[in-house]
Amino acid sequence: MGEVGPESASERVEWDGRVATVTWLAPPYRPSRRLTTQALGLCFTIDGRIVLVSGDGEQWTLPGGPPEVGESLEAALERDLREEASARLIACEYIGCQRVEDRERPDGPTLYYQARFWARVELYPFDGAEGTSARRLVTPETFRDTLTWGGAIAARMILAAGLTCERARAHFASQD
């Protein structure tokens, strides 16, 4: 599958031997919290690099994860950044979500959403806690080649939305 429109894009991806359809949905669309299973952040350091984490040092992903009962998506991102990436959340903004249609999923919902955020973070010395064995900083130019999950369209849309937010934040900061 390909582009759906300027604010959304759809593709088929393979996860755990199953084929799922992943559709990027830009704001103002925001799914209900009840249907949202994770909050991941495209996290920028002050020098413009993007934080990735890995459980094995080979497969790289965005930091974040599922919210706990009663936890907001932003609070889940803040907690997971601290636990997985040894990072402190300074600011975040919702940049969109992925709608996942996984009809072959053996357990759990077959239609769910994954929220994505732009974030500014401060890094602490990495401690490798919570199942994360490595943290890596990449440039926006190398992000898509380093990320090892999902599909190419989703990664492109997340990066574009995150860079738009990053540039806007940098512009407003320079106005102060």
N, C-alpha and C. Protein backbone atom coordinates (compact mmCIF):
# COMPACT_ATOMS: atom_id res chain seq x y z
N MET A 1 0.85 -1.18 0.00
CA MET A 1 0.00 0.00 0.00
C MET A 1 0.88 1.23 0.00
N GLY A 2 0.30 2.36 -0.35
CA GLY A 2 1.08 3.58 -0.41
C GLY A 2 0.38 4.72 0.26
N GLU A 3 0.68 5.91 -0.22
CA GLU A 3 0.15 7.13 0.37
C GLU A 3 -1.38 7.15 0.31
N VAL A 4 -1.99 7.63 1.38
CA VAL A 4 -3.43 7.82 1.44
C VAL A 4 -3.76 9.28 1.26
N GLY A 5 -2.95 10.14 1.80
CA GLY A 5 -3.15 11.58 1.71
C GLY A 5 -2.05 12.28 2.46
N PRO A 6 -2.05 13.60 2.44
CA PRO A 6 -0.96 14.32 3.09
C PRO A 6 -0.92 14.14 4.60
N GLU A 7 -2.05 13.83 5.23
CA GLU A 7 -2.10 13.69 6.68
C GLU A 7 -2.11 12.24 7.14
N SER A 8 -2.12 11.30 6.19
CA SER A 8 -2.12 9.89 6.58
C SER A 8 -1.39 9.07 5.52
N ALA A 9 -0.95 7.91 5.91
CA ALA A 9 -0.29 6.98 5.01
C ALA A 9 -0.50 5.58 5.57
N SER A 10 -0.55 4.60 4.67
CA SER A 10 -0.84 3.24 5.10
C SER A 10 0.13 2.28 4.42
N GLU A 11 0.48 1.21 5.15
CA GLU A 11 1.34 0.18 4.58
C GLU A 11 1.10 -1.13 5.32
N ARG A 12 1.49 -2.21 4.67
CA ARG A 12 1.42 -3.53 5.29
C ARG A 12 2.81 -3.89 5.78
N VAL A 13 2.87 -4.37 7.02
CA VAL A 13 4.16 -4.76 7.62
C VAL A 13 4.04 -6.15 8.21
N GLU A 14 5.17 -6.82 8.34
CA GLU A 14 5.19 -8.15 8.95
C GLU A 14 5.76 -8.05 10.35
N TRP A 15 5.00 -8.57 11.32
CA TRP A 15 5.40 -8.62 12.73
C TRP A 15 5.20 -10.03 13.22
N ASP A 16 6.22 -10.62 13.75
CA ASP A 16 6.11 -11.95 14.36
C ASP A 16 5.44 -12.96 13.42
N GLY A 17 5.76 -12.89 12.13
CA GLY A 17 5.19 -13.82 11.17
C GLY A 17 3.78 -13.51 10.72
N ARG A 18 3.21 -12.40 11.19
CA ARG A 18 1.87 -11.99 10.79
C ARG A 18 1.97 -10.72 9.96
N VAL A 19 0.98 -10.52 9.10
CA VAL A 19 0.92 -9.29 8.32
C VAL A 19 -0.14 -8.38 8.93
N ALA A 20 0.25 -7.15 9.19
CA ALA A 20 -0.66 -6.16 9.76
C ALA A 20 -0.66 -4.93 8.86
N THR A 21 -1.74 -4.17 8.91
CA THR A 21 -1.81 -2.90 8.20
C THR A 21 -1.61 -1.79 9.21
N VAL A 22 -0.64 -0.92 8.93
CA VAL A 22 -0.33 0.20 9.81
C VAL A 22 -0.64 1.48 9.05
N THR A 23 -1.47 2.33 9.65
CA THR A 23 -1.84 3.60 9.03
C THR A 23 -1.43 4.74 9.94
N TRP A 24 -0.65 5.68 9.41
CA TRP A 24 -0.26 6.87 10.15
C TRP A 24 -1.40 7.87 10.09
N LEU A 25 -1.77 8.42 11.23
CA LEU A 25 -2.83 9.43 11.33
C LEU A 25 -2.27 10.64 12.05
N ALA A 26 -2.25 11.77 11.37
CA ALA A 26 -1.69 13.00 11.92
C ALA A 26 -2.74 13.73 12.75
N PRO A 27 -2.30 14.64 13.62
CA PRO A 27 -3.26 15.49 14.35
C PRO A 27 -4.08 16.29 13.35
N PRO A 28 -5.30 16.61 13.66
CA PRO A 28 -5.86 16.63 15.00
C PRO A 28 -6.40 15.29 15.48
N TYR A 29 -6.36 14.25 14.62
CA TYR A 29 -6.89 12.96 15.06
C TYR A 29 -6.09 12.46 16.26
N ARG A 30 -6.80 12.07 17.29
CA ARG A 30 -6.18 11.45 18.47
C ARG A 30 -7.15 10.39 18.97
N PRO A 31 -6.73 9.12 18.98
CA PRO A 31 -7.63 8.05 19.39
C PRO A 31 -7.93 8.09 20.88
N SER A 32 -8.96 7.36 21.25
CA SER A 32 -9.29 7.29 22.68
C SER A 32 -8.15 6.60 23.42
N ARG A 33 -7.95 6.99 24.64
CA ARG A 33 -6.91 6.41 25.48
C ARG A 33 -7.13 4.91 25.65
N ARG A 34 -8.39 4.50 25.72
CA ARG A 34 -8.75 3.09 25.91
C ARG A 34 -8.22 2.20 24.79
N LEU A 35 -8.14 2.73 23.56
CA LEU A 35 -7.70 1.94 22.41
C LEU A 35 -6.20 2.11 22.11
N THR A 36 -5.51 2.92 22.91
CA THR A 36 -4.10 3.22 22.65
C THR A 36 -3.22 2.34 23.53
N THR A 37 -2.39 1.53 22.89
CA THR A 37 -1.61 0.53 23.62
C THR A 37 -0.17 0.93 23.91
N GLN A 38 0.30 2.03 23.31
CA GLN A 38 1.66 2.45 23.60
C GLN A 38 1.87 3.92 23.27
N ALA A 39 2.90 4.47 23.90
CA ALA A 39 3.32 5.85 23.65
C ALA A 39 4.83 5.83 23.45
N LEU A 40 5.27 6.14 22.24
CA LEU A 40 6.70 6.20 21.94
C LEU A 40 7.07 7.62 21.58
N GLY A 41 8.33 7.97 21.82
CA GLY A 41 8.78 9.32 21.54
C GLY A 41 9.90 9.39 20.54
N LEU A 42 9.79 10.32 19.60
CA LEU A 42 10.90 10.71 18.75
C LEU A 42 11.62 11.78 19.57
N CYS A 43 12.61 11.35 20.33
CA CYS A 43 13.22 12.16 21.39
C CYS A 43 14.50 12.81 20.91
N PHE A 44 14.52 14.13 20.97
CA PHE A 44 15.68 14.91 20.53
C PHE A 44 16.47 15.41 21.73
N THR A 45 17.78 15.33 21.61
CA THR A 45 18.66 15.95 22.58
C THR A 45 18.80 17.42 22.21
N ILE A 46 19.39 18.20 23.07
CA ILE A 46 19.54 19.63 22.82
C ILE A 46 20.37 19.91 21.56
N ASP A 47 21.26 18.98 21.18
CA ASP A 47 22.06 19.17 19.97
C ASP A 47 21.43 18.57 18.72
N GLY A 48 20.15 18.15 18.82
CA GLY A 48 19.41 17.71 17.64
C GLY A 48 19.55 16.25 17.26
N ARG A 49 20.17 15.45 18.10
CA ARG A 49 20.25 14.02 17.82
C ARG A 49 19.03 13.30 18.38
N ILE A 50 18.71 12.14 17.82
CA ILE A 50 17.54 11.36 18.19
C ILE A 50 17.99 10.16 19.03
N VAL A 51 17.26 9.90 20.11
CA VAL A 51 17.58 8.80 21.03
C VAL A 51 16.87 7.52 20.58
N LEU A 52 17.64 6.45 20.43
CA LEU A 52 17.09 5.12 20.19
C LEU A 52 17.57 4.19 21.30
N VAL A 53 16.80 3.14 21.56
CA VAL A 53 17.16 2.16 22.58
C VAL A 53 17.10 0.76 21.98
N SER A 54 17.79 -0.17 22.64
CA SER A 54 17.83 -1.54 22.16
C SER A 54 17.88 -2.51 23.34
N GLY A 55 17.21 -3.62 23.19
CA GLY A 55 17.28 -4.67 24.19
C GLY A 55 18.45 -5.61 23.98
N ASP A 56 18.97 -5.65 22.73
CA ASP A 56 20.05 -6.58 22.41
C ASP A 56 21.26 -5.93 21.75
N GLY A 57 21.23 -4.62 21.55
CA GLY A 57 22.33 -3.93 20.90
C GLY A 57 22.31 -4.01 19.39
N GLU A 58 21.30 -4.69 18.83
CA GLU A 58 21.20 -4.83 17.38
C GLU A 58 19.89 -4.29 16.81
N GLN A 59 18.80 -4.50 17.52
CA GLN A 59 17.49 -4.03 17.08
C GLN A 59 17.19 -2.71 17.78
N TRP A 60 17.03 -1.63 17.03
CA TRP A 60 16.87 -0.29 17.60
C TRP A 60 15.45 0.21 17.44
N THR A 61 14.94 0.86 18.48
CA THR A 61 13.57 1.36 18.49
C THR A 61 13.51 2.69 19.22
N LEU A 62 12.36 3.34 19.10
CA LEU A 62 12.10 4.55 19.87
C LEU A 62 11.82 4.17 21.32
N PRO A 63 12.24 4.99 22.27
CA PRO A 63 11.89 4.71 23.66
C PRO A 63 10.41 4.94 23.93
N GLY A 64 9.88 4.19 24.86
CA GLY A 64 8.47 4.31 25.24
C GLY A 64 7.87 2.94 25.41
N GLY A 65 6.57 2.90 25.65
CA GLY A 65 5.93 1.62 25.84
C GLY A 65 4.49 1.78 26.26
N PRO A 66 3.90 0.71 26.79
CA PRO A 66 2.49 0.75 27.16
C PRO A 66 2.24 1.56 28.43
N PRO A 67 1.15 2.30 28.45
CA PRO A 67 0.80 3.02 29.68
C PRO A 67 0.26 2.04 30.72
N GLU A 68 0.53 2.35 31.97
CA GLU A 68 -0.02 1.56 33.07
C GLU A 68 -1.45 2.02 33.34
N VAL A 69 -2.21 1.23 34.07
CA VAL A 69 -3.60 1.56 34.38
C VAL A 69 -3.66 2.94 35.03
N GLY A 70 -4.52 3.80 34.48
CA GLY A 70 -4.71 5.14 35.01
C GLY A 70 -3.65 6.15 34.62
N GLU A 71 -2.67 5.74 33.83
CA GLU A 71 -1.56 6.62 33.45
C GLU A 71 -1.85 7.28 32.11
N SER A 72 -1.59 8.56 32.00
CA SER A 72 -1.75 9.25 30.72
C SER A 72 -0.64 8.80 29.77
N LEU A 73 -0.84 9.04 28.48
CA LEU A 73 0.18 8.67 27.50
C LEU A 73 1.47 9.45 27.74
N GLU A 74 1.33 10.72 28.07
CA GLU A 74 2.51 11.55 28.35
C GLU A 74 3.27 11.05 29.57
N ALA A 75 2.54 10.65 30.61
CA ALA A 75 3.17 10.12 31.82
C ALA A 75 3.87 8.79 31.52
N ALA A 76 3.26 7.97 30.67
CA ALA A 76 3.89 6.70 30.28
C ALA A 76 5.20 6.96 29.54
N LEU A 77 5.18 7.93 28.63
CA LEU A 77 6.40 8.27 27.91
C LEU A 77 7.48 8.76 28.87
N GLU A 78 7.10 9.63 29.79
CA GLU A 78 8.05 10.16 30.76
C GLU A 78 8.67 9.04 31.60
N ARG A 79 7.84 8.12 32.08
CA ARG A 79 8.33 6.98 32.88
C ARG A 79 9.25 6.09 32.06
N ASP A 80 8.82 5.74 30.85
CA ASP A 80 9.63 4.84 30.03
C ASP A 80 10.95 5.47 29.60
N LEU A 81 10.96 6.77 29.37
CA LEU A 81 12.22 7.44 29.06
C LEU A 81 13.21 7.30 30.21
N ARG A 82 12.71 7.49 31.40
CA ARG A 82 13.55 7.38 32.60
C ARG A 82 14.05 5.94 32.75
N GLU A 83 13.15 4.97 32.59
CA GLU A 83 13.50 3.56 32.81
C GLU A 83 14.35 2.97 31.69
N GLU A 84 14.00 3.26 30.43
CA GLU A 84 14.66 2.63 29.29
C GLU A 84 15.88 3.38 28.78
N ALA A 85 15.81 4.70 28.78
CA ALA A 85 16.84 5.50 28.11
C ALA A 85 17.68 6.33 29.07
N SER A 86 17.41 6.24 30.36
CA SER A 86 18.10 7.09 31.35
C SER A 86 18.04 8.54 30.90
N ALA A 87 16.81 8.99 30.64
CA ALA A 87 16.60 10.35 30.14
C ALA A 87 15.45 11.01 30.90
N ARG A 88 15.55 12.33 30.98
CA ARG A 88 14.49 13.12 31.61
C ARG A 88 13.72 13.86 30.53
N LEU A 89 12.40 13.73 30.58
CA LEU A 89 11.54 14.43 29.64
C LEU A 89 11.48 15.90 30.01
N ILE A 90 11.84 16.76 29.07
CA ILE A 90 11.77 18.20 29.28
C ILE A 90 10.47 18.75 28.70
N ALA A 91 10.11 18.30 27.50
CA ALA A 91 8.88 18.74 26.84
C ALA A 91 8.45 17.66 25.87
N CYS A 92 7.14 17.58 25.62
CA CYS A 92 6.66 16.65 24.60
C CYS A 92 5.40 17.21 23.95
N GLU A 93 5.16 16.72 22.75
CA GLU A 93 3.98 17.13 21.99
C GLU A 93 3.52 15.96 21.15
N TYR A 94 2.23 15.70 21.17
CA TYR A 94 1.64 14.63 20.36
C TYR A 94 1.81 14.99 18.89
N ILE A 95 2.37 14.06 18.08
CA ILE A 95 2.57 14.32 16.65
C ILE A 95 1.76 13.40 15.75
N GLY A 96 1.05 12.43 16.33
CA GLY A 96 0.24 11.54 15.53
C GLY A 96 0.19 10.15 16.14
N CYS A 97 -0.43 9.24 15.40
CA CYS A 97 -0.52 7.86 15.88
C CYS A 97 -0.52 6.90 14.71
N GLN A 98 -0.26 5.67 15.03
CA GLN A 98 -0.37 4.58 14.07
C GLN A 98 -1.59 3.76 14.45
N ARG A 99 -2.49 3.57 13.49
CA ARG A 99 -3.60 2.63 13.68
C ARG A 99 -3.12 1.29 13.17
N VAL A 100 -3.19 0.27 14.00
CA VAL A 100 -2.72 -1.06 13.64
C VAL A 100 -3.91 -1.99 13.51
N GLU A 101 -4.04 -2.59 12.34
CA GLU A 101 -5.06 -3.62 12.10
C GLU A 101 -4.31 -4.94 11.97
N ASP A 102 -4.39 -5.76 13.00
CA ASP A 102 -3.65 -7.02 13.08
C ASP A 102 -4.66 -8.15 13.27
N ARG A 103 -5.32 -8.52 12.19
CA ARG A 103 -6.41 -9.49 12.24
C ARG A 103 -5.96 -10.89 12.67
N GLU A 104 -4.66 -11.18 12.54
CA GLU A 104 -4.15 -12.49 12.90
C GLU A 104 -3.57 -12.53 14.31
N ARG A 105 -3.68 -11.45 15.05
CA ARG A 105 -3.12 -11.39 16.41
C ARG A 105 -3.79 -12.44 17.29
N PRO A 106 -2.98 -13.31 17.92
CA PRO A 106 -3.56 -14.41 18.69
C PRO A 106 -4.19 -13.99 20.01
N ASP A 107 -3.73 -12.87 20.59
CA ASP A 107 -4.31 -12.42 21.86
C ASP A 107 -4.36 -10.90 21.85
N GLY A 108 -5.29 -10.36 22.57
CA GLY A 108 -5.43 -8.90 22.61
C GLY A 108 -6.24 -8.37 21.44
N PRO A 109 -6.39 -7.05 21.40
CA PRO A 109 -7.23 -6.45 20.35
C PRO A 109 -6.59 -6.59 18.97
N THR A 110 -7.42 -6.67 17.95
CA THR A 110 -6.92 -6.74 16.58
C THR A 110 -6.88 -5.36 15.92
N LEU A 111 -7.49 -4.36 16.55
CA LEU A 111 -7.42 -2.97 16.10
C LEU A 111 -7.03 -2.13 17.30
N TYR A 112 -5.91 -1.44 17.19
CA TYR A 112 -5.44 -0.61 18.29
C TYR A 112 -4.59 0.53 17.74
N TYR A 113 -4.21 1.43 18.61
CA TYR A 113 -3.45 2.62 18.21
C TYR A 113 -2.17 2.71 19.02
N GLN A 114 -1.16 3.32 18.40
CA GLN A 114 0.13 3.56 19.04
C GLN A 114 0.44 5.05 18.90
N ALA A 115 0.43 5.76 20.00
CA ALA A 115 0.67 7.21 19.98
C ALA A 115 2.15 7.51 19.79
N ARG A 116 2.41 8.60 19.07
CA ARG A 116 3.78 9.05 18.83
C ARG A 116 3.90 10.50 19.27
N PHE A 117 5.02 10.80 19.92
CA PHE A 117 5.27 12.13 20.44
C PHE A 117 6.63 12.64 19.98
N TRP A 118 6.73 13.95 19.75
CA TRP A 118 8.02 14.63 19.70
C TRP A 118 8.39 14.88 21.15
N ALA A 119 9.67 14.77 21.47
CA ALA A 119 10.10 15.07 22.84
C ALA A 119 11.48 15.70 22.84
N ARG A 120 11.68 16.57 23.80
CA ARG A 120 13.01 17.11 24.12
C ARG A 120 13.43 16.42 25.41
N VAL A 121 14.64 15.87 25.41
CA VAL A 121 15.10 15.12 26.58
C VAL A 121 16.48 15.57 27.03
N GLU A 122 16.74 15.31 28.28
CA GLU A 122 18.08 15.48 28.86
C GLU A 122 18.57 14.09 29.22
N LEU A 123 19.78 13.76 28.79
CA LEU A 123 20.33 12.43 29.04
C LEU A 123 21.13 12.38 30.33
N TYR A 124 20.98 11.26 31.03
CA TYR A 124 21.79 10.94 32.20
C TYR A 124 22.73 9.80 31.81
N PRO A 125 23.73 9.49 32.62
CA PRO A 125 24.56 8.33 32.31
C PRO A 125 23.66 7.09 32.16
N PHE A 126 23.89 6.33 31.10
CA PHE A 126 23.04 5.19 30.79
C PHE A 126 23.30 4.06 31.78
N ASP A 127 22.19 3.50 32.34
CA ASP A 127 22.35 2.43 33.34
C ASP A 127 21.85 1.07 32.87
N GLY A 128 21.27 0.99 31.67
CA GLY A 128 20.86 -0.31 31.14
C GLY A 128 19.77 -1.01 31.91
N ALA A 129 18.89 -0.26 32.53
CA ALA A 129 17.81 -0.85 33.32
C ALA A 129 16.62 -1.21 32.44
N GLU A 130 15.66 -1.90 33.05
CA GLU A 130 14.36 -2.21 32.43
C GLU A 130 14.47 -2.90 31.08
N GLY A 131 15.38 -3.84 30.93
CA GLY A 131 15.46 -4.63 29.71
C GLY A 131 16.11 -3.94 28.53
N THR A 132 16.65 -2.76 28.74
CA THR A 132 17.34 -2.05 27.67
C THR A 132 18.83 -2.22 27.88
N SER A 133 19.52 -2.73 26.86
CA SER A 133 20.95 -2.96 27.00
C SER A 133 21.80 -1.85 26.39
N ALA A 134 21.19 -1.01 25.54
CA ALA A 134 21.98 0.02 24.87
C ALA A 134 21.12 1.23 24.52
N ARG A 135 21.79 2.36 24.47
CA ARG A 135 21.17 3.61 24.03
C ARG A 135 22.08 4.16 22.94
N ARG A 136 21.46 4.71 21.91
CA ARG A 136 22.23 5.22 20.78
C ARG A 136 21.66 6.55 20.35
N LEU A 137 22.54 7.46 19.96
CA LEU A 137 22.12 8.75 19.43
C LEU A 137 22.41 8.77 17.94
N VAL A 138 21.39 9.12 17.15
CA VAL A 138 21.54 9.16 15.70
C VAL A 138 21.10 10.53 15.19
N THR A 139 21.55 10.86 14.01
CA THR A 139 21.11 12.10 13.38
C THR A 139 19.79 11.83 12.66
N PRO A 140 19.03 12.87 12.37
CA PRO A 140 17.81 12.67 11.58
C PRO A 140 18.10 11.99 10.24
N GLU A 141 19.27 12.24 9.67
CA GLU A 141 19.62 11.65 8.37
C GLU A 141 19.85 10.14 8.46
N THR A 142 20.28 9.64 9.61
CA THR A 142 20.55 8.20 9.75
C THR A 142 19.45 7.46 10.51
N PHE A 143 18.44 8.19 10.97
CA PHE A 143 17.36 7.61 11.77
C PHE A 143 16.69 6.43 11.08
N ARG A 144 16.21 6.62 9.86
CA ARG A 144 15.45 5.57 9.19
C ARG A 144 16.29 4.34 8.89
N ASP A 145 17.58 4.52 8.63
CA ASP A 145 18.44 3.37 8.37
C ASP A 145 18.77 2.59 9.65
N THR A 146 18.67 3.25 10.80
CA THR A 146 19.02 2.62 12.07
C THR A 146 17.82 1.97 12.73
N LEU A 147 16.65 2.58 12.60
CA LEU A 147 15.43 2.05 13.21
C LEU A 147 15.12 0.68 12.62
N THR A 148 14.78 -0.30 13.46
CA THR A 148 14.59 -1.66 12.96
C THR A 148 13.20 -2.21 13.22
N TRP A 149 12.19 -1.37 13.29
CA TRP A 149 10.83 -1.85 13.48
C TRP A 149 9.91 -1.18 12.47
N GLY A 150 8.74 -1.74 12.36
CA GLY A 150 7.69 -1.12 11.54
C GLY A 150 8.06 -1.04 10.08
N GLY A 151 7.35 -0.16 9.40
CA GLY A 151 7.56 -0.02 7.98
C GLY A 151 8.21 1.30 7.62
N ALA A 152 8.62 1.38 6.38
CA ALA A 152 9.32 2.57 5.90
C ALA A 152 8.42 3.80 5.89
N ILE A 153 7.17 3.63 5.52
CA ILE A 153 6.26 4.77 5.46
C ILE A 153 6.01 5.32 6.86
N ALA A 154 5.75 4.45 7.82
CA ALA A 154 5.51 4.90 9.19
C ALA A 154 6.72 5.65 9.73
N ALA A 155 7.91 5.11 9.52
CA ALA A 155 9.13 5.77 10.00
C ALA A 155 9.30 7.13 9.35
N ARG A 156 9.02 7.22 8.06
CA ARG A 156 9.14 8.49 7.34
C ARG A 156 8.15 9.52 7.88
N MET A 157 6.92 9.10 8.14
CA MET A 157 5.90 10.02 8.64
C MET A 157 6.23 10.49 10.06
N ILE A 158 6.69 9.58 10.91
CA ILE A 158 7.06 9.94 12.28
C ILE A 158 8.22 10.93 12.26
N LEU A 159 9.22 10.66 11.43
CA LEU A 159 10.37 11.55 11.35
C LEU A 159 9.96 12.92 10.82
N ALA A 160 9.14 12.96 9.78
CA ALA A 160 8.70 14.25 9.22
C ALA A 160 7.92 15.05 10.25
N ALA A 161 7.00 14.41 10.95
CA ALA A 161 6.21 15.11 11.97
C ALA A 161 7.10 15.58 13.12
N GLY A 162 8.03 14.74 13.53
CA GLY A 162 8.93 15.11 14.62
C GLY A 162 9.86 16.25 14.24
N LEU A 163 10.37 16.23 13.01
CA LEU A 163 11.25 17.31 12.56
C LEU A 163 10.50 18.63 12.42
N THR A 164 9.25 18.57 11.98
CA THR A 164 8.43 19.78 11.91
C THR A 164 8.29 20.39 13.29
N CYS A 165 8.00 19.57 14.27
CA CYS A 165 7.87 20.04 15.65
C CYS A 165 9.21 20.55 16.17
N GLU A 166 10.28 19.82 15.90
CA GLU A 166 11.62 20.21 16.36
C GLU A 166 12.00 21.58 15.78
N ARG A 167 11.75 21.78 14.50
CA ARG A 167 12.10 23.06 13.87
C ARG A 167 11.26 24.20 14.42
N ALA A 168 9.98 23.93 14.65
CA ALA A 168 9.11 24.98 15.21
C ALA A 168 9.57 25.34 16.62
N ARG A 169 9.90 24.35 17.42
CA ARG A 169 10.37 24.62 18.78
C ARG A 169 11.69 25.39 18.75
N ALA A 170 12.60 25.02 17.85
CA ALA A 170 13.88 25.72 17.74
C ALA A 170 13.67 27.16 17.30
N HIS A 171 12.74 27.37 16.38
CA HIS A 171 12.45 28.72 15.90
C HIS A 171 11.91 29.59 17.03
N PHE A 172 10.96 29.05 17.78
CA PHE A 172 10.38 29.83 18.88
C PHE A 172 11.41 30.08 19.99
N ALA A 173 12.29 29.11 20.23
CA ALA A 173 13.33 29.29 21.25
C ALA A 173 14.29 30.40 20.84
N SER A 174 14.56 30.51 19.53
CA SER A 174 15.48 31.56 19.07
C SER A 174 14.85 32.94 19.13
N GLN A 175 13.52 33.00 19.25
CA GLN A 175 12.81 34.28 19.34
C GLN A 175 12.86 34.86 20.74
N ASP A 176 13.16 34.02 21.73
CA ASP A 176 13.19 34.47 23.14
C ASP A 176 14.37 35.36 23.44
